[in-house]
Amino acid sequence: MSHDVLLEFDYESDERATLIFRSVEREVGEIDGDRSRTTVKRDGRTVVVRVSADDLVALRAALNTWQTLVGVAEKVSG
């Protein structure tokens, strides 16, 4: 059974969303484990992170990682 979560991060401008998207999307495939997969997309002013995992423990770990990555990108981008 697969577990999925969709995270949406809305920003005040397309430019800020693009900056955040470019900061985190390069990590796709680099930090995914054997039990989770992630995609990152941008739709206008929204960055969409979809996390899928084989079990709830892997899902929680992946969500913590991606939320932290987005948070760091937001902080350093001002």
PDB file of N, CA and C in Angstrom:
ATOM      1  N   MET A   1       0.852  -1.186   0.000  1.00  0.00           N
ATOM      2  CA  MET A   1       0.000   0.000   0.000  1.00  0.00           C
ATOM      3  C   MET A   1       0.889   1.239   0.000  1.00  0.00           C
ATOM      4  N   SER A   2       0.550   2.193  -0.832  1.00  0.00           N
ATOM      5  CA  SER A   2       1.322   3.421  -0.910  1.00  0.00           C
ATOM      6  C   SER A   2       0.585   4.551  -0.191  1.00  0.00           C
ATOM      7  N   HIS A   3       1.343   5.389   0.454  1.00  0.00           N
ATOM      8  CA  HIS A   3       0.795   6.550   1.151  1.00  0.00           C
ATOM      9  C   HIS A   3       1.298   7.800   0.435  1.00  0.00           C
ATOM     10  N   ASP A   4       0.403   8.765   0.212  1.00  0.00           N
ATOM     11  CA  ASP A   4       0.754   9.979  -0.517  1.00  0.00           C
ATOM     12  C   ASP A   4       0.322  11.217   0.244  1.00  0.00           C
ATOM     13  N   VAL A   5       1.157  12.252   0.156  1.00  0.00           N
ATOM     14  CA  VAL A   5       0.809  13.555   0.721  1.00  0.00           C
ATOM     15  C   VAL A   5       1.189  14.619  -0.303  1.00  0.00           C
ATOM     16  N   LEU A   6       0.324  15.597  -0.457  1.00  0.00           N
ATOM     17  CA  LEU A   6       0.567  16.723  -1.351  1.00  0.00           C
ATOM     18  C   LEU A   6       0.713  17.973  -0.495  1.00  0.00           C
ATOM     19  N   LEU A   7       1.864  18.632  -0.590  1.00  0.00           N
ATOM     20  CA  LEU A   7       2.107  19.885   0.125  1.00  0.00           C
ATOM     21  C   LEU A   7       2.098  21.026  -0.879  1.00  0.00           C
ATOM     22  N   GLU A   8       1.386  22.095  -0.574  1.00  0.00           N
ATOM     23  CA  GLU A   8       1.358  23.272  -1.437  1.00  0.00           C
ATOM     24  C   GLU A   8       1.838  24.477  -0.647  1.00  0.00           C
ATOM     25  N   PHE A   9       2.826  25.179  -1.209  1.00  0.00           N
ATOM     26  CA  PHE A   9       3.396  26.365  -0.593  1.00  0.00           C
ATOM     27  C   PHE A   9       3.112  27.542  -1.521  1.00  0.00           C
ATOM     28  N   ASP A  10       2.310  28.500  -1.047  1.00  0.00           N
ATOM     29  CA  ASP A  10       1.926  29.669  -1.848  1.00  0.00           C
ATOM     30  C   ASP A  10       2.815  30.857  -1.507  1.00  0.00           C
ATOM     31  N   TYR A  11       3.218  31.606  -2.546  1.00  0.00           N
ATOM     32  CA  TYR A  11       4.100  32.768  -2.370  1.00  0.00           C
ATOM     33  C   TYR A  11       3.479  34.007  -2.987  1.00  0.00           C
ATOM     34  N   GLU A  12       4.027  35.144  -2.616  1.00  0.00           N
ATOM     35  CA  GLU A  12       3.463  36.420  -3.047  1.00  0.00           C
ATOM     36  C   GLU A  12       3.738  36.749  -4.512  1.00  0.00           C
ATOM     37  N   SER A  13       4.668  36.039  -5.139  1.00  0.00           N
ATOM     38  CA  SER A  13       4.986  36.322  -6.539  1.00  0.00           C
ATOM     39  C   SER A  13       5.487  35.071  -7.246  1.00  0.00           C
ATOM     40  N   ASP A  14       5.399  35.088  -8.576  1.00  0.00           N
ATOM     41  CA  ASP A  14       5.948  34.004  -9.379  1.00  0.00           C
ATOM     42  C   ASP A  14       7.453  33.904  -9.183  1.00  0.00           C
ATOM     43  N   GLU A  15       8.110  35.053  -9.033  1.00  0.00           N
ATOM     44  CA  GLU A  15       9.565  35.074  -8.892  1.00  0.00           C
ATOM     45  C   GLU A  15      10.009  34.358  -7.614  1.00  0.00           C
ATOM     46  N   ARG A  16       9.319  34.621  -6.521  1.00  0.00           N
ATOM     47  CA  ARG A  16       9.674  33.959  -5.255  1.00  0.00           C
ATOM     48  C   ARG A  16       9.401  32.468  -5.337  1.00  0.00           C
ATOM     49  N   ALA A  17       8.278  32.091  -5.931  1.00  0.00           N
ATOM     50  CA  ALA A  17       7.959  30.675  -6.101  1.00  0.00           C
ATOM     51  C   ALA A  17       9.019  29.988  -6.963  1.00  0.00           C
ATOM     52  N   THR A  18       9.466  30.657  -8.006  1.00  0.00           N
ATOM     53  CA  THR A  18      10.507  30.101  -8.876  1.00  0.00           C
ATOM     54  C   THR A  18      11.799  29.902  -8.102  1.00  0.00           C
ATOM     55  N   LEU A  19      12.163  30.871  -7.291  1.00  0.00           N
ATOM     56  CA  LEU A  19      13.384  30.781  -6.491  1.00  0.00           C
ATOM     57  C   LEU A  19      13.325  29.603  -5.517  1.00  0.00           C
ATOM     58  N   ILE A  20      12.216  29.461  -4.827  1.00  0.00           N
ATOM     59  CA  ILE A  20      12.054  28.353  -3.884  1.00  0.00           C
ATOM     60  C   ILE A  20      12.054  27.031  -4.639  1.00  0.00           C
ATOM     61  N   PHE A  21      11.322  26.969  -5.730  1.00  0.00           N
ATOM     62  CA  PHE A  21      11.260  25.754  -6.545  1.00  0.00           C
ATOM     63  C   PHE A  21      12.651  25.329  -7.001  1.00  0.00           C
ATOM     64  N   ARG A  22      13.409  26.236  -7.555  1.00  0.00           N
ATOM     65  CA  ARG A  22      14.755  25.907  -8.048  1.00  0.00           C
ATOM     66  C   ARG A  22      15.685  25.476  -6.918  1.00  0.00           C
ATOM     67  N   SER A  23      15.461  26.023  -5.740  1.00  0.00           N
ATOM     68  CA  SER A  23      16.299  25.666  -4.594  1.00  0.00           C
ATOM     69  C   SER A  23      16.077  24.227  -4.136  1.00  0.00           C
ATOM     70  N   VAL A  24      14.822  23.779  -4.165  1.00  0.00           N
ATOM     71  CA  VAL A  24      14.530  22.447  -3.624  1.00  0.00           C
ATOM     72  C   VAL A  24      14.433  21.359  -4.681  1.00  0.00           C
ATOM     73  N   GLU A  25      14.088  21.693  -5.908  1.00  0.00           N
ATOM     74  CA  GLU A  25      13.866  20.647  -6.905  1.00  0.00           C
ATOM     75  C   GLU A  25      15.135  19.900  -7.262  1.00  0.00           C
ATOM     76  N   ARG A  26      16.282  20.504  -7.064  1.00  0.00           N
ATOM     77  CA  ARG A  26      17.548  19.819  -7.358  1.00  0.00           C
ATOM     78  C   ARG A  26      17.816  18.666  -6.394  1.00  0.00           C
ATOM     79  N   GLU A  27      17.074  18.618  -5.295  1.00  0.00           N
ATOM     80  CA  GLU A  27      17.256  17.535  -4.318  1.00  0.00           C
ATOM     81  C   GLU A  27      16.440  16.286  -4.650  1.00  0.00           C
ATOM     82  N   VAL A  28      15.508  16.401  -5.600  1.00  0.00           N
ATOM     83  CA  VAL A  28      14.692  15.250  -5.987  1.00  0.00           C
ATOM     84  C   VAL A  28      15.623  14.167  -6.532  1.00  0.00           C
ATOM     85  N   GLY A  29      15.470  12.974  -6.014  1.00  0.00           N
ATOM     86  CA  GLY A  29      16.299  11.865  -6.437  1.00  0.00           C
ATOM     87  C   GLY A  29      17.592  11.737  -5.658  1.00  0.00           C
ATOM     88  N   GLU A  30      18.021  12.828  -5.038  1.00  0.00           N
ATOM     89  CA  GLU A  30      19.263  12.812  -4.270  1.00  0.00           C
ATOM     90  C   GLU A  30      19.037  12.333  -2.837  1.00  0.00           C
ATOM     91  N   ILE A  31      17.884  12.681  -2.268  1.00  0.00           N
ATOM     92  CA  ILE A  31      17.659  12.341  -0.861  1.00  0.00           C
ATOM     93  C   ILE A  31      16.534  11.340  -0.656  1.00  0.00           C
ATOM     94  N   ASP A  32      15.837  10.960  -1.730  1.00  0.00           N
ATOM     95  CA  ASP A  32      14.794   9.941  -1.591  1.00  0.00           C
ATOM     96  C   ASP A  32      15.430   8.623  -1.182  1.00  0.00           C
ATOM     97  N   GLY A  33      14.753   7.915  -0.323  1.00  0.00           N
ATOM     98  CA  GLY A  33      15.246   6.603   0.103  1.00  0.00           C
ATOM     99  C   GLY A  33      14.631   5.498  -0.733  1.00  0.00           C
ATOM    100  N   ASP A  34      14.833   4.281  -0.305  1.00  0.00           N
ATOM    101  CA  ASP A  34      14.256   3.132  -1.004  1.00  0.00           C
ATOM    102  C   ASP A  34      12.750   3.055  -0.796  1.00  0.00           C
ATOM    103  N   ARG A  35      12.264   3.726   0.244  1.00  0.00           N
ATOM    104  CA  ARG A  35      10.851   3.591   0.610  1.00  0.00           C
ATOM    105  C   ARG A  35      10.022   4.836   0.343  1.00  0.00           C
ATOM    106  N   SER A  36      10.616   5.893  -0.230  1.00  0.00           N
ATOM    107  CA  SER A  36       9.845   7.110  -0.523  1.00  0.00           C
ATOM    108  C   SER A  36      10.296   7.722  -1.849  1.00  0.00           C
ATOM    109  N   ARG A  37       9.377   8.454  -2.456  1.00  0.00           N
ATOM    110  CA  ARG A  37       9.619   9.148  -3.712  1.00  0.00           C
ATOM    111  C   ARG A  37       8.985  10.526  -3.625  1.00  0.00           C
ATOM    112  N   THR A  38       9.618  11.498  -4.267  1.00  0.00           N
ATOM    113  CA  THR A  38       9.130  12.877  -4.189  1.00  0.00           C
ATOM    114  C   THR A  38       9.189  13.528  -5.554  1.00  0.00           C
ATOM    115  N   THR A  39       8.183  14.351  -5.846  1.00  0.00           N
ATOM    116  CA  THR A  39       8.219  15.215  -7.018  1.00  0.00           C
ATOM    117  C   THR A  39       7.991  16.639  -6.549  1.00  0.00           C
ATOM    118  N   VAL A  40       8.592  17.587  -7.250  1.00  0.00           N
ATOM    119  CA  VAL A  40       8.415  19.000  -6.946  1.00  0.00           C
ATOM    120  C   VAL A  40       8.056  19.705  -8.243  1.00  0.00           C
ATOM    121  N   LYS A  41       6.984  20.491  -8.210  1.00  0.00           N
ATOM    122  CA  LYS A  41       6.525  21.250  -9.378  1.00  0.00           C
ATOM    123  C   LYS A  41       6.178  22.660  -8.946  1.00  0.00           C
ATOM    124  N   ARG A  42       6.114  23.548  -9.920  1.00  0.00           N
ATOM    125  CA  ARG A  42       5.676  24.910  -9.651  1.00  0.00           C
ATOM    126  C   ARG A  42       4.496  25.212 -10.554  1.00  0.00           C
ATOM    127  N   ASP A  43       3.473  25.807  -9.976  1.00  0.00           N
ATOM    128  CA  ASP A  43       2.290  26.224 -10.723  1.00  0.00           C
ATOM    129  C   ASP A  43       2.033  27.683 -10.365  1.00  0.00           C
ATOM    130  N   GLY A  44       2.588  28.574 -11.162  1.00  0.00           N
ATOM    131  CA  GLY A  44       2.443  30.001 -10.864  1.00  0.00           C
ATOM    132  C   GLY A  44       3.132  30.353  -9.568  1.00  0.00           C
ATOM    133  N   ARG A  45       2.377  30.853  -8.612  1.00  0.00           N
ATOM    134  CA  ARG A  45       2.926  31.268  -7.319  1.00  0.00           C
ATOM    135  C   ARG A  45       2.925  30.146  -6.282  1.00  0.00           C
ATOM    136  N   THR A  46       2.667  28.919  -6.711  1.00  0.00           N
ATOM    137  CA  THR A  46       2.586  27.788  -5.797  1.00  0.00           C
ATOM    138  C   THR A  46       3.650  26.743  -6.124  1.00  0.00           C
ATOM    139  N   VAL A  47       4.353  26.290  -5.093  1.00  0.00           N
ATOM    140  CA  VAL A  47       5.282  25.166  -5.220  1.00  0.00           C
ATOM    141  C   VAL A  47       4.577  23.951  -4.636  1.00  0.00           C
ATOM    142  N   VAL A  48       4.543  22.874  -5.421  1.00  0.00           N
ATOM    143  CA  VAL A  48       3.823  21.665  -5.033  1.00  0.00           C
ATOM    144  C   VAL A  48       4.827  20.531  -4.821  1.00  0.00           C
ATOM    145  N   VAL A  49       4.804  19.964  -3.637  1.00  0.00           N
ATOM    146  CA  VAL A  49       5.676  18.837  -3.296  1.00  0.00           C
ATOM    147  C   VAL A  49       4.779  17.633  -3.027  1.00  0.00           C
ATOM    148  N   ARG A  50       4.969  16.576  -3.821  1.00  0.00           N
ATOM    149  CA  ARG A  50       4.198  15.344  -3.617  1.00  0.00           C
ATOM    150  C   ARG A  50       5.148  14.270  -3.110  1.00  0.00           C
ATOM    151  N   VAL A  51       4.822  13.720  -1.949  1.00  0.00           N
ATOM    152  CA  VAL A  51       5.634  12.679  -1.328  1.00  0.00           C
ATOM    153  C   VAL A  51       4.820  11.394  -1.293  1.00  0.00           C
ATOM    154  N   SER A  52       5.420  10.315  -1.786  1.00  0.00           N
ATOM    155  CA  SER A  52       4.805   8.984  -1.727  1.00  0.00           C
ATOM    156  C   SER A  52       5.752   8.069  -0.979  1.00  0.00           C
ATOM    157  N   ALA A  53       5.191   7.199  -0.165  1.00  0.00           N
ATOM    158  CA  ALA A  53       6.030   6.281   0.609  1.00  0.00           C
ATOM    159  C   ALA A  53       5.332   4.943   0.769  1.00  0.00           C
ATOM    160  N   ASP A  54       6.149   3.925   0.978  1.00  0.00           N
ATOM    161  CA  ASP A  54       5.628   2.571   1.143  1.00  0.00           C
ATOM    162  C   ASP A  54       4.971   2.356   2.503  1.00  0.00           C
ATOM    163  N   ASP A  55       5.401   3.134   3.506  1.00  0.00           N
ATOM    164  CA  ASP A  55       4.846   2.975   4.849  1.00  0.00           C
ATOM    165  C   ASP A  55       4.812   4.327   5.550  1.00  0.00           C
ATOM    166  N   LEU A  56       4.106   4.393   6.651  1.00  0.00           N
ATOM    167  CA  LEU A  56       3.906   5.666   7.344  1.00  0.00           C
ATOM    168  C   LEU A  56       5.183   6.212   7.977  1.00  0.00           C
ATOM    169  N   VAL A  57       6.074   5.354   8.421  1.00  0.00           N
ATOM    170  CA  VAL A  57       7.332   5.825   9.006  1.00  0.00           C
ATOM    171  C   VAL A  57       8.164   6.532   7.938  1.00  0.00           C
ATOM    172  N   ALA A  58       8.262   5.925   6.759  1.00  0.00           N
ATOM    173  CA  ALA A  58       9.005   6.545   5.655  1.00  0.00           C
ATOM    174  C   ALA A  58       8.332   7.837   5.204  1.00  0.00           C
ATOM    175  N   LEU A  59       7.009   7.862   5.207  1.00  0.00           N
ATOM    176  CA  LEU A  59       6.279   9.069   4.824  1.00  0.00           C
ATOM    177  C   LEU A  59       6.582  10.217   5.784  1.00  0.00           C
ATOM    178  N   ARG A  60       6.545   9.937   7.067  1.00  0.00           N
ATOM    179  CA  ARG A  60       6.824  10.971   8.064  1.00  0.00           C
ATOM    180  C   ARG A  60       8.251  11.500   7.920  1.00  0.00           C
ATOM    181  N   ALA A  61       9.199  10.616   7.730  1.00  0.00           N
ATOM    182  CA  ALA A  61      10.593  11.030   7.579  1.00  0.00           C
ATOM    183  C   ALA A  61      10.769  11.899   6.334  1.00  0.00           C
ATOM    184  N   ALA A  62      10.162  11.489   5.238  1.00  0.00           N
ATOM    185  CA  ALA A  62      10.271  12.257   3.997  1.00  0.00           C
ATOM    186  C   ALA A  62       9.597  13.623   4.134  1.00  0.00           C
ATOM    187  N   LEU A  63       8.426  13.665   4.760  1.00  0.00           N
ATOM    188  CA  LEU A  63       7.733  14.940   4.958  1.00  0.00           C
ATOM    189  C   LEU A  63       8.566  15.893   5.809  1.00  0.00           C
ATOM    190  N   ASN A  64       9.155  15.384   6.877  1.00  0.00           N
ATOM    191  CA  ASN A  64      10.018  16.228   7.714  1.00  0.00           C
ATOM    192  C   ASN A  64      11.168  16.800   6.902  1.00  0.00           C
ATOM    193  N   THR A  65      11.775  15.971   6.069  1.00  0.00           N
ATOM    194  CA  THR A  65      12.902  16.414   5.250  1.00  0.00           C
ATOM    195  C   THR A  65      12.485  17.503   4.274  1.00  0.00           C
ATOM    196  N   TRP A  66      11.407  17.279   3.538  1.00  0.00           N
ATOM    197  CA  TRP A  66      10.993  18.247   2.514  1.00  0.00           C
ATOM    198  C   TRP A  66      10.454  19.536   3.115  1.00  0.00           C
ATOM    199  N   GLN A  67       9.754  19.461   4.221  1.00  0.00           N
ATOM    200  CA  GLN A  67       9.297  20.688   4.875  1.00  0.00           C
ATOM    201  C   GLN A  67      10.487  21.496   5.375  1.00  0.00           C
ATOM    202  N   THR A  68      11.502  20.823   5.876  1.00  0.00           N
ATOM    203  CA  THR A  68      12.708  21.517   6.325  1.00  0.00           C
ATOM    204  C   THR A  68      13.421  22.165   5.150  1.00  0.00           C
ATOM    205  N   LEU A  69      13.550  21.445   4.034  1.00  0.00           N
ATOM    206  CA  LEU A  69      14.214  22.011   2.848  1.00  0.00           C
ATOM    207  C   LEU A  69      13.501  23.261   2.342  1.00  0.00           C
ATOM    208  N   VAL A  70      12.191  23.205   2.280  1.00  0.00           N
ATOM    209  CA  VAL A  70      11.432  24.380   1.836  1.00  0.00           C
ATOM    210  C   VAL A  70      11.597  25.523   2.841  1.00  0.00           C
ATOM    211  N   GLY A  71      11.553  25.212   4.123  1.00  0.00           N
ATOM    212  CA  GLY A  71      11.732  26.241   5.159  1.00  0.00           C
ATOM    213  C   GLY A  71      13.076  26.932   5.072  1.00  0.00           C
ATOM    214  N   VAL A  72      14.133  26.156   4.837  1.00  0.00           N
ATOM    215  CA  VAL A  72      15.470  26.743   4.693  1.00  0.00           C
ATOM    216  C   VAL A  72      15.527  27.612   3.454  1.00  0.00           C
ATOM    217  N   ALA A  73      14.958  27.145   2.337  1.00  0.00           N
ATOM    218  CA  ALA A  73      14.943  27.930   1.110  1.00  0.00           C
ATOM    219  C   ALA A  73      14.197  29.259   1.321  1.00  0.00           C
ATOM    220  N   GLU A  74      13.113  29.212   2.073  1.00  0.00           N
ATOM    221  CA  GLU A  74      12.355  30.438   2.346  1.00  0.00           C
ATOM    222  C   GLU A  74      13.199  31.413   3.183  1.00  0.00           C
ATOM    223  N   LYS A  75      13.879  30.897   4.184  1.00  0.00           N
ATOM    224  CA  LYS A  75      14.681  31.768   5.063  1.00  0.00           C
ATOM    225  C   LYS A  75      15.838  32.425   4.330  1.00  0.00           C
ATOM    226  N   VAL A  76      16.548  31.646   3.526  1.00  0.00           N
ATOM    227  CA  VAL A  76      17.727  32.214   2.869  1.00  0.00           C
ATOM    228  C   VAL A  76      17.370  33.091   1.679  1.00  0.00           C
ATOM    229  N   SER A  77      16.142  32.948   1.166  1.00  0.00           N
ATOM    230  CA  SER A  77      15.751  33.777   0.027  1.00  0.00           C
ATOM    231  C   SER A  77      15.166  35.110   0.470  1.00  0.00           C
ATOM    232  N   GLY A  78      15.003  35.266   1.769  1.00  0.00           N
ATOM    233  CA  GLY A  78      14.558  36.540   2.302  1.00  0.00           C
ATOM    234  C   GLY A  78      13.118  36.659   2.345  1.00  0.00           C
TER     235      GLY A  78
END
